[in-house]
Every structure is written in structure tokens, then in C-alpha cells.
Amino acid sequence: MTAAFNLSLLANKVNSSGVLDVTALPSSGVTAGTYTYASVTVDAYGRLTAASSGATPAGGFSNMQVFTSSGTFTVPSGITKVKVTVVGGGGGGGTGSIVYCGYFGAGGGGGGGTAIEIISGLTPGGTVSVTVGGAGSAGFDGGTGGTSSFGAYCSATGGAGGKSALNSGGGSQTSNGGLGGIGSGGDLNMRGQGGGGGAPGYQTYTFGLSGSGGSSYFGGGAPGLGEVLSGITASAYGGGGSGGVNNTGGAGAAGVVVVEY
């Protein structure tokens, strides 16, 4: 049996053209307008009962903040996810020496390590401490580069310094290049390139070769030398300085922290 339709429900609600007067429809409670990335609610009868604009879908990173010295990253409004690249400082080159009447080149400093991480769940307006590792200094044995970090999320150690052909007591030692630093805590952790070792001159008072500095994620390890010269300072973030040949080595380069959002 088919239920009867109550025509009285349409009384005075249909115009002369047979079109239902929309003003006669009950209010849905939804504000008229255009919604972006809309979130809607529909009841069991298929009626729209609520609507609101949603958040813009997450896409690629379009902004970048570069830290070349330690500081604080403040999470921008509307941002909850960032990509961080952390590079430690480069090691310094060692000092060249005269050993057994020959010029003996020193080892180059190692490149800083790298950690790359995508971090989600951040709070807009929140802050994260940023540490940028300093450059390893040139010295008798080159200095180690400093460790860089992004809060407690990830970090990267600096490259070790290159060795002189002489030790601090005046005896001979191997003029090894410094070991590269290493990243930790990231989604991708990389070791910096090790510095090159120094080599002696093959005849009396001939020049040896100094070791080149190791490259970081950004490259920049200083080239080795074959003359009585001071080493060369690294040219890119986290690069190692080259060793000297009967002279001081080159300094490493400071690290860097890059935040993309």
C-alpha cells in the first residue's frame, strides 16, 4: 500500500510556475557561502547540517631559514612540520714540518657530518634551540670542528683536525688526515669526507704534499698543496682545511643549520 502524500505541506509554497519557493524550506543551520577544503557533515537523511573550511593540505616546503650562528628557531604560524639539515664544523689542517731534512706536508681536516630530518608535530609559536658548530682552527695538529644541532631532534659532529708530521714532543708521527664527523638522530645521517694525509719530499729539502681537507654535504674541502705554503681555509659550510707544507694549515669552515618549512 502506498502512503498518501499530504498536499497541504505545499500550500502557498509553490509559485505560479510550479517552482517551490526556497524561502519556504526549513533552515539547515549552514551559513551560505564558499568553503575552501571544506569539511561537511551530512545526517542520515542526506541533509547537509554543517560545513566549515579546512586547513590547506600539506605540500612541499616553500620557505627556508639558514642559521650560520647559534640561535633560536620560532615555529611560524600555521606550520607544524619542518625539514632540517644540520652540518657540523670542518676540521682544521695541521702544520707542515721538516722531518729528516725534507719538507713533510701535514694532514687535512675532516669534513663535518650531516643529519637530515623531517620533523612533524611542532606547535606554531614554539621555539627550538639551534646550535651551529664552529670551524676547527689551524694548528700544529688541526682543531676539531664543533657539533651542530637542532634541539634534541638531530645533530652532527665536526670533522677532526689533520695531523702534523711531528708530535708535540718533537718526535715524528704519521701526518694523517682528520676523520669526518657523523650525523645522528636524523632520517638520513652521513659522515663527512676524511681529510687527506700528508706526504714527505722524496729527496733532501724537497717539498712534500699536504693533505686536502675533507668535504661536507655542501662540499668545500680545501685542496692540498705541494709548495712551502700555508694551508687553505675551507670554502663551504663544514668543509675541512688543508694541511700546510712547512707552514701552518688552513682552518675549517663553520657548520650550518638549514630549516625548510
C-alpha atoms as a PDB file:
ATOM      1  CA  MET A   1       0.000   0.000   0.000  1.00  0.00           C
ATOM      2  CA  THR A   2       1.390   3.402  -0.940  1.00  0.00           C
ATOM      3  CA  ALA A   3       1.282   6.109   1.701  1.00  0.00           C
ATOM      4  CA  ALA A   4      -0.774   9.188   0.827  1.00  0.00           C
ATOM      5  CA  PHE A   5       1.149  12.450   0.284  1.00  0.00           C
ATOM      6  CA  ASN A   6      -0.161  15.419   2.275  1.00  0.00           C
ATOM      7  CA  LEU A   7      -0.549  18.201  -0.310  1.00  0.00           C
ATOM      8  CA  SER A   8      -1.201  20.688   2.430  1.00  0.00           C
ATOM      9  CA  LEU A   9       2.550  20.690   3.100  1.00  0.00           C
ATOM     10  CA  LEU A  10       2.986  22.546  -0.219  1.00  0.00           C
ATOM     11  CA  ALA A  11       0.181  25.024   0.329  1.00  0.00           C
ATOM     12  CA  ASN A  12       1.282  28.563  -0.528  1.00  0.00           C
ATOM     13  CA  LYS A  13       4.843  27.314  -1.107  1.00  0.00           C
ATOM     14  CA  VAL A  14       4.741  26.771  -4.857  1.00  0.00           C
ATOM     15  CA  ASN A  15       4.652  29.724  -7.230  1.00  0.00           C
ATOM     16  CA  SER A  16       2.563  30.058 -10.378  1.00  0.00           C
ATOM     17  CA  SER A  17       5.283  28.341 -12.395  1.00  0.00           C
ATOM     18  CA  GLY A  18       5.143  25.304 -10.176  1.00  0.00           C
ATOM     19  CA  VAL A  19       8.520  26.047  -8.581  1.00  0.00           C
ATOM     20  CA  LEU A  20       8.970  25.579  -4.855  1.00  0.00           C
ATOM     21  CA  ASP A  21       9.650  28.819  -3.009  1.00  0.00           C
ATOM     22  CA  VAL A  22      13.082  28.354  -1.424  1.00  0.00           C
ATOM     23  CA  THR A  23      12.184  30.689   1.412  1.00  0.00           C
ATOM     24  CA  ALA A  24       9.701  28.067   2.499  1.00  0.00           C
ATOM     25  CA  LEU A  25      12.461  25.496   3.114  1.00  0.00           C
ATOM     26  CA  PRO A  26      13.451  24.963   6.740  1.00  0.00           C
ATOM     27  CA  SER A  27      16.867  26.354   7.718  1.00  0.00           C
ATOM     28  CA  SER A  28      19.708  23.820   7.587  1.00  0.00           C
ATOM     29  CA  GLY A  29      21.817  25.811  10.022  1.00  0.00           C
ATOM     30  CA  VAL A  30      24.668  26.038   7.494  1.00  0.00           C
ATOM     31  CA  THR A  31      25.839  29.532   6.576  1.00  0.00           C
ATOM     32  CA  ALA A  32      25.609  30.255   2.856  1.00  0.00           C
ATOM     33  CA  GLY A  33      28.951  30.840   1.213  1.00  0.00           C
ATOM     34  CA  THR A  34      32.005  29.270  -0.403  1.00  0.00           C
ATOM     35  CA  TYR A  35      34.164  26.879   1.610  1.00  0.00           C
ATOM     36  CA  THR A  36      37.816  26.069   0.929  1.00  0.00           C
ATOM     37  CA  TYR A  37      38.958  22.488   1.510  1.00  0.00           C
ATOM     38  CA  ALA A  38      35.541  22.028   3.082  1.00  0.00           C
ATOM     39  CA  SER A  39      34.714  19.712   5.950  1.00  0.00           C
ATOM     40  CA  VAL A  40      30.984  18.836   5.861  1.00  0.00           C
ATOM     41  CA  THR A  41      28.523  16.879   7.994  1.00  0.00           C
ATOM     42  CA  VAL A  42      25.565  15.015   6.447  1.00  0.00           C
ATOM     43  CA  ASP A  43      22.758  13.434   8.513  1.00  0.00           C
ATOM     44  CA  ALA A  44      21.122  10.057   7.980  1.00  0.00           C
ATOM     45  CA  TYR A  45      18.620  11.572   5.534  1.00  0.00           C
ATOM     46  CA  GLY A  46      21.338  13.014   3.303  1.00  0.00           C
ATOM     47  CA  ARG A  47      20.832  16.572   4.529  1.00  0.00           C
ATOM     48  CA  LEU A  48      23.832  18.913   4.928  1.00  0.00           C
ATOM     49  CA  THR A  49      23.894  20.005   8.566  1.00  0.00           C
ATOM     50  CA  ALA A  50      27.329  21.572   8.987  1.00  0.00           C
ATOM     51  CA  ALA A  51      30.178  22.922   6.857  1.00  0.00           C
ATOM     52  CA  SER A  52      33.484  24.644   7.551  1.00  0.00           C
ATOM     53  CA  SER A  53      36.682  25.485   5.705  1.00  0.00           C
ATOM     54  CA  GLY A  54      39.550  23.084   6.350  1.00  0.00           C
ATOM     55  CA  ALA A  55      43.276  23.585   6.616  1.00  0.00           C
ATOM     56  CA  THR A  56      45.329  23.895   3.448  1.00  0.00           C
ATOM     57  CA  PRO A  57      46.661  20.447   2.557  1.00  0.00           C
ATOM     58  CA  ALA A  58      50.311  19.847   3.399  1.00  0.00           C
ATOM     59  CA  GLY A  59      52.538  20.367   0.383  1.00  0.00           C
ATOM     60  CA  GLY A  60      56.202  20.968  -0.343  1.00  0.00           C
ATOM     61  CA  PHE A  61      58.384  23.284   1.715  1.00  0.00           C
ATOM     62  CA  SER A  62      58.385  26.819   0.332  1.00  0.00           C
ATOM     63  CA  ASN A  63      60.342  28.807   2.930  1.00  0.00           C
ATOM     64  CA  MET A  64      63.827  28.474   4.376  1.00  0.00           C
ATOM     65  CA  GLN A  65      65.731  29.886   7.345  1.00  0.00           C
ATOM     66  CA  VAL A  66      69.515  29.497   7.394  1.00  0.00           C
ATOM     67  CA  PHE A  67      71.451  29.602  10.674  1.00  0.00           C
ATOM     68  CA  THR A  68      75.161  30.384  10.286  1.00  0.00           C
ATOM     69  CA  SER A  69      75.479  31.020  14.027  1.00  0.00           C
ATOM     70  CA  SER A  70      73.661  29.615  17.029  1.00  0.00           C
ATOM     71  CA  GLY A  71      70.189  30.955  17.762  1.00  0.00           C
ATOM     72  CA  THR A  72      66.526  30.038  18.174  1.00  0.00           C
ATOM     73  CA  PHE A  73      64.025  28.860  15.571  1.00  0.00           C
ATOM     74  CA  THR A  74      60.470  30.072  16.205  1.00  0.00           C
ATOM     75  CA  VAL A  75      57.842  27.887  14.525  1.00  0.00           C
ATOM     76  CA  PRO A  76      55.852  30.159  12.157  1.00  0.00           C
ATOM     77  CA  SER A  77      52.074  30.485  12.333  1.00  0.00           C
ATOM     78  CA  GLY A  78      50.281  27.610  10.625  1.00  0.00           C
ATOM     79  CA  ILE A  79      53.427  25.447  10.479  1.00  0.00           C
ATOM     80  CA  THR A  80      53.677  22.067  12.212  1.00  0.00           C
ATOM     81  CA  LYS A  81      56.278  20.320  10.041  1.00  0.00           C
ATOM     82  CA  VAL A  82      59.825  21.286   9.022  1.00  0.00           C
ATOM     83  CA  LYS A  83      62.775  19.739   7.199  1.00  0.00           C
ATOM     84  CA  VAL A  84      66.103  20.287   8.927  1.00  0.00           C
ATOM     85  CA  THR A  85      69.629  19.894   7.511  1.00  0.00           C
ATOM     86  CA  VAL A  86      72.329  20.019  10.190  1.00  0.00           C
ATOM     87  CA  VAL A  87      76.052  20.143   9.274  1.00  0.00           C
ATOM     88  CA  GLY A  88      78.934  20.130  11.776  1.00  0.00           C
ATOM     89  CA  GLY A  89      82.017  22.328  11.521  1.00  0.00           C
ATOM     90  CA  GLY A  90      85.027  21.305   9.438  1.00  0.00           C
ATOM     91  CA  GLY A  91      88.359  20.298  10.989  1.00  0.00           C
ATOM     92  CA  GLY A  92      91.470  22.435  10.649  1.00  0.00           C
ATOM     93  CA  GLY A  93      94.621  21.409   8.806  1.00  0.00           C
ATOM     94  CA  GLY A  94      97.871  20.532  10.564  1.00  0.00           C
ATOM     95  CA  THR A  95     101.245  22.287  10.331  1.00  0.00           C
ATOM     96  CA  GLY A  96     103.870  21.032   7.903  1.00  0.00           C
ATOM     97  CA  SER A  97     107.340  20.183   9.230  1.00  0.00           C
ATOM     98  CA  ILE A  98     110.906  19.407   8.299  1.00  0.00           C
ATOM     99  CA  VAL A  99     111.466  15.745   9.085  1.00  0.00           C
ATOM    100  CA  TYR A 100     114.720  14.006   8.133  1.00  0.00           C
ATOM    101  CA  CYS A 101     115.808  17.058   6.118  1.00  0.00           C
ATOM    102  CA  GLY A 102     112.704  17.003   3.940  1.00  0.00           C
ATOM    103  CA  TYR A 103     109.577  19.141   3.939  1.00  0.00           C
ATOM    104  CA  PHE A 104     106.738  16.941   5.161  1.00  0.00           C
ATOM    105  CA  GLY A 105     103.164  18.036   4.407  1.00  0.00           C
ATOM    106  CA  ALA A 106     100.555  17.844   7.163  1.00  0.00           C
ATOM    107  CA  GLY A 107      97.149  16.172   7.024  1.00  0.00           C
ATOM    108  CA  GLY A 108      93.954  17.990   6.108  1.00  0.00           C
ATOM    109  CA  GLY A 109      90.937  18.383   8.395  1.00  0.00           C
ATOM    110  CA  GLY A 110      87.873  16.182   8.039  1.00  0.00           C
ATOM    111  CA  GLY A 111      84.527  17.445   6.789  1.00  0.00           C
ATOM    112  CA  GLY A 112      81.631  17.928   9.193  1.00  0.00           C
ATOM    113  CA  GLY A 113      78.925  15.279   9.419  1.00  0.00           C
ATOM    114  CA  THR A 114      75.317  15.792   8.306  1.00  0.00           C
ATOM    115  CA  ALA A 115      71.882  14.857   9.645  1.00  0.00           C
ATOM    116  CA  ILE A 116      68.692  15.479   7.655  1.00  0.00           C
ATOM    117  CA  GLU A 117      65.296  15.030   9.321  1.00  0.00           C
ATOM    118  CA  ILE A 118      61.651  15.842   8.648  1.00  0.00           C
ATOM    119  CA  ILE A 119      60.075  16.819  11.958  1.00  0.00           C
ATOM    120  CA  SER A 120      56.295  16.917  12.427  1.00  0.00           C
ATOM    121  CA  GLY A 121      54.012  17.714  15.355  1.00  0.00           C
ATOM    122  CA  LEU A 122      55.548  21.118  16.070  1.00  0.00           C
ATOM    123  CA  THR A 123      53.469  23.827  17.741  1.00  0.00           C
ATOM    124  CA  PRO A 124      53.167  27.203  15.950  1.00  0.00           C
ATOM    125  CA  GLY A 125      54.847  29.837  18.082  1.00  0.00           C
ATOM    126  CA  GLY A 126      57.013  27.237  19.820  1.00  0.00           C
ATOM    127  CA  THR A 127      60.800  27.534  19.811  1.00  0.00           C
ATOM    128  CA  VAL A 128      63.710  25.172  19.148  1.00  0.00           C
ATOM    129  CA  SER A 129      67.302  25.881  20.174  1.00  0.00           C
ATOM    130  CA  VAL A 130      69.764  25.841  17.270  1.00  0.00           C
ATOM    131  CA  THR A 131      73.495  25.246  17.711  1.00  0.00           C
ATOM    132  CA  VAL A 132      75.951  25.823  14.856  1.00  0.00           C
ATOM    133  CA  GLY A 133      79.350  24.157  15.223  1.00  0.00           C
ATOM    134  CA  GLY A 134      82.355  26.396  14.864  1.00  0.00           C
ATOM    135  CA  ALA A 135      85.278  25.918  12.489  1.00  0.00           C
ATOM    136  CA  GLY A 136      88.213  23.780  13.518  1.00  0.00           C
ATOM    137  CA  SER A 137      91.243  26.031  13.867  1.00  0.00           C
ATOM    138  CA  ALA A 138      94.538  25.569  12.074  1.00  0.00           C
ATOM    139  CA  GLY A 139      97.286  24.437  14.408  1.00  0.00           C
ATOM    140  CA  PHE A 140     100.226  22.166  14.992  1.00  0.00           C
ATOM    141  CA  ASP A 141      97.592  19.463  14.922  1.00  0.00           C
ATOM    142  CA  GLY A 142      94.434  20.988  13.471  1.00  0.00           C
ATOM    143  CA  GLY A 143      91.447  21.614  15.728  1.00  0.00           C
ATOM    144  CA  THR A 144      88.203  19.616  15.619  1.00  0.00           C
ATOM    145  CA  GLY A 145      85.090  21.322  14.247  1.00  0.00           C
ATOM    146  CA  GLY A 146      82.156  21.952  16.552  1.00  0.00           C
ATOM    147  CA  THR A 147      78.916  19.960  16.766  1.00  0.00           C
ATOM    148  CA  SER A 148      75.746  21.415  15.235  1.00  0.00           C
ATOM    149  CA  SER A 149      72.244  20.510  16.420  1.00  0.00           C
ATOM    150  CA  PHE A 150      68.544  21.301  16.105  1.00  0.00           C
ATOM    151  CA  GLY A 151      67.197  20.995  19.635  1.00  0.00           C
ATOM    152  CA  ALA A 152      67.203  17.369  20.753  1.00  0.00           C
ATOM    153  CA  TYR A 153      65.947  16.206  17.357  1.00  0.00           C
ATOM    154  CA  CYS A 154      69.208  15.689  15.461  1.00  0.00           C
ATOM    155  CA  SER A 155      72.862  16.672  15.494  1.00  0.00           C
ATOM    156  CA  ALA A 156      76.126  16.343  13.553  1.00  0.00           C
ATOM    157  CA  THR A 157      79.655  16.286  14.915  1.00  0.00           C
ATOM    158  CA  GLY A 158      82.532  18.248  13.424  1.00  0.00           C
ATOM    159  CA  GLY A 159      85.447  16.869  11.450  1.00  0.00           C
ATOM    160  CA  ALA A 160      88.686  16.061  13.268  1.00  0.00           C
ATOM    161  CA  GLY A 161      91.841  18.085  12.671  1.00  0.00           C
ATOM    162  CA  GLY A 162      94.695  16.961  10.440  1.00  0.00           C
ATOM    163  CA  LYS A 163      97.976  15.819  11.992  1.00  0.00           C
ATOM    164  CA  SER A 164     101.426  17.339  11.707  1.00  0.00           C
ATOM    165  CA  ALA A 165     104.348  15.099  10.784  1.00  0.00           C
ATOM    166  CA  LEU A 166     105.833  15.927  14.207  1.00  0.00           C
ATOM    167  CA  ASN A 167     104.163  15.373  17.555  1.00  0.00           C
ATOM    168  CA  SER A 168     104.131  17.904  20.381  1.00  0.00           C
ATOM    169  CA  GLY A 169     107.318  16.396  21.831  1.00  0.00           C
ATOM    170  CA  GLY A 170     109.255  16.866  18.625  1.00  0.00           C
ATOM    171  CA  GLY A 171     109.207  13.221  17.542  1.00  0.00           C
ATOM    172  CA  SER A 172     107.827  12.105  14.209  1.00  0.00           C
ATOM    173  CA  GLN A 173     104.314  10.802  13.680  1.00  0.00           C
ATOM    174  CA  THR A 174     102.139   9.957  10.712  1.00  0.00           C
ATOM    175  CA  SER A 175     100.565  13.086   9.223  1.00  0.00           C
ATOM    176  CA  ASN A 176      97.112  11.580   8.869  1.00  0.00           C
ATOM    177  CA  GLY A 177      94.076  13.488   7.708  1.00  0.00           C
ATOM    178  CA  GLY A 178      91.242  14.068  10.181  1.00  0.00           C
ATOM    179  CA  LEU A 179      88.251  11.739  10.308  1.00  0.00           C
ATOM    180  CA  GLY A 180      84.975  13.190   9.048  1.00  0.00           C
ATOM    181  CA  GLY A 181      82.175  13.998  11.501  1.00  0.00           C
ATOM    182  CA  ILE A 182      78.940  11.994  11.641  1.00  0.00           C
ATOM    183  CA  GLY A 183      75.249  12.856  11.817  1.00  0.00           C
ATOM    184  CA  SER A 184      72.849  11.303  14.341  1.00  0.00           C
ATOM    185  CA  GLY A 185      69.129  11.380  15.068  1.00  0.00           C
ATOM    186  CA  GLY A 186      68.145  12.227  11.503  1.00  0.00           C
ATOM    187  CA  ASP A 187      66.144  10.314   8.939  1.00  0.00           C
ATOM    188  CA  LEU A 188      69.398  10.390   6.962  1.00  0.00           C
ATOM    189  CA  ASN A 189      72.770  10.507   8.741  1.00  0.00           C
ATOM    190  CA  MET A 190      76.006  10.982   6.805  1.00  0.00           C
ATOM    191  CA  ARG A 191      79.702  11.106   7.617  1.00  0.00           C
ATOM    192  CA  GLY A 192      81.829  13.923   6.264  1.00  0.00           C
ATOM    193  CA  GLN A 193      84.730  13.068   3.988  1.00  0.00           C
ATOM    194  CA  GLY A 194      88.008  12.407   5.763  1.00  0.00           C
ATOM    195  CA  GLY A 195      90.950  14.731   5.215  1.00  0.00           C
ATOM    196  CA  GLY A 196      93.873  13.611   3.074  1.00  0.00           C
ATOM    197  CA  GLY A 197      97.172  12.554   4.631  1.00  0.00           C
ATOM    198  CA  GLY A 198     100.391  14.482   4.136  1.00  0.00           C
ATOM    199  CA  ALA A 199     103.404  13.107   2.267  1.00  0.00           C
ATOM    200  CA  PRO A 200     107.169  13.797   2.521  1.00  0.00           C
ATOM    201  CA  GLY A 201     109.535  15.145  -0.072  1.00  0.00           C
ATOM    202  CA  TYR A 202     111.405  12.303  -1.766  1.00  0.00           C
ATOM    203  CA  GLN A 203     114.823  13.970  -1.692  1.00  0.00           C
ATOM    204  CA  THR A 204     116.668  16.144   0.798  1.00  0.00           C
ATOM    205  CA  TYR A 205     114.930  19.507   1.240  1.00  0.00           C
ATOM    206  CA  THR A 206     112.357  18.853  -1.418  1.00  0.00           C
ATOM    207  CA  PHE A 207     108.746  19.715  -0.904  1.00  0.00           C
ATOM    208  CA  GLY A 208     106.236  17.172   0.254  1.00  0.00           C
ATOM    209  CA  LEU A 209     102.492  17.320  -0.299  1.00  0.00           C
ATOM    210  CA  SER A 210      99.922  18.440   2.227  1.00  0.00           C
ATOM    211  CA  GLY A 211      96.630  16.637   2.634  1.00  0.00           C
ATOM    212  CA  SER A 212      93.444  18.119   1.255  1.00  0.00           C
ATOM    213  CA  GLY A 213      90.532  18.996   3.532  1.00  0.00           C
ATOM    214  CA  GLY A 214      87.526  16.683   3.548  1.00  0.00           C
ATOM    215  CA  SER A 215      84.254  17.847   2.012  1.00  0.00           C
ATOM    216  CA  SER A 216      80.974  18.120   3.862  1.00  0.00           C
ATOM    217  CA  TYR A 217      77.459  17.627   2.460  1.00  0.00           C
ATOM    218  CA  PHE A 218      77.960  21.039   0.833  1.00  0.00           C
ATOM    219  CA  GLY A 219      81.443  20.215  -0.497  1.00  0.00           C
ATOM    220  CA  GLY A 220      84.144  22.824   0.089  1.00  0.00           C
ATOM    221  CA  GLY A 221      87.142  20.808   1.298  1.00  0.00           C
ATOM    222  CA  ALA A 222      90.338  22.830   0.686  1.00  0.00           C
ATOM    223  CA  PRO A 223      92.849  21.388  -1.845  1.00  0.00           C
ATOM    224  CA  GLY A 224      96.245  20.067  -0.796  1.00  0.00           C
ATOM    225  CA  LEU A 225      99.492  21.852  -1.604  1.00  0.00           C
ATOM    226  CA  GLY A 226     102.909  20.949  -2.961  1.00  0.00           C
ATOM    227  CA  GLU A 227     104.923  24.031  -2.001  1.00  0.00           C
ATOM    228  CA  VAL A 228     106.203  25.700   1.169  1.00  0.00           C
ATOM    229  CA  LEU A 229     102.904  27.410   1.804  1.00  0.00           C
ATOM    230  CA  SER A 230     100.289  27.743   4.480  1.00  0.00           C
ATOM    231  CA  GLY A 231      97.196  25.583   4.132  1.00  0.00           C
ATOM    232  CA  ILE A 232      93.972  26.851   2.584  1.00  0.00           C
ATOM    233  CA  THR A 233      90.808  27.613   4.525  1.00  0.00           C
ATOM    234  CA  ALA A 234      87.752  25.556   3.565  1.00  0.00           C
ATOM    235  CA  SER A 235      85.272  27.259   1.254  1.00  0.00           C
ATOM    236  CA  ALA A 236      81.861  25.756   2.116  1.00  0.00           C
ATOM    237  CA  TYR A 237      79.879  25.046   5.263  1.00  0.00           C
ATOM    238  CA  GLY A 238      81.526  22.221   7.201  1.00  0.00           C
ATOM    239  CA  GLY A 239      84.471  21.769   4.847  1.00  0.00           C
ATOM    240  CA  GLY A 240      87.906  20.813   6.188  1.00  0.00           C
ATOM    241  CA  GLY A 241      91.023  22.991   5.839  1.00  0.00           C
ATOM    242  CA  SER A 242      94.083  21.646   4.041  1.00  0.00           C
ATOM    243  CA  GLY A 243      97.385  20.924   5.749  1.00  0.00           C
ATOM    244  CA  GLY A 244     100.445  23.115   5.398  1.00  0.00           C
ATOM    245  CA  VAL A 245     103.858  22.290   3.943  1.00  0.00           C
ATOM    246  CA  ASN A 246     106.438  23.519   6.491  1.00  0.00           C
ATOM    247  CA  ASN A 247     103.813  26.090   7.456  1.00  0.00           C
ATOM    248  CA  THR A 248     100.512  26.275   9.308  1.00  0.00           C
ATOM    249  CA  GLY A 249      97.436  24.541   7.917  1.00  0.00           C
ATOM    250  CA  GLY A 250      94.174  26.119   6.837  1.00  0.00           C
ATOM    251  CA  ALA A 251      91.164  26.479   9.120  1.00  0.00           C
ATOM    252  CA  GLY A 252      87.996  24.509   8.565  1.00  0.00           C
ATOM    253  CA  ALA A 253      84.670  26.173   7.838  1.00  0.00           C
ATOM    254  CA  ALA A 254      81.881  26.571  10.384  1.00  0.00           C
ATOM    255  CA  GLY A 255      78.826  24.353  10.124  1.00  0.00           C
ATOM    256  CA  VAL A 256      75.275  25.371   9.279  1.00  0.00           C
ATOM    257  CA  VAL A 257      71.657  24.535  10.131  1.00  0.00           C
ATOM    258  CA  VAL A 258      69.025  24.944   7.411  1.00  0.00           C
ATOM    259  CA  VAL A 259      65.306  24.829   8.309  1.00  0.00           C
ATOM    260  CA  GLU A 260      62.758  24.466   5.478  1.00  0.00           C
ATOM    261  CA  TYR A 261      59.015  24.843   6.032  1.00  0.00           C
END
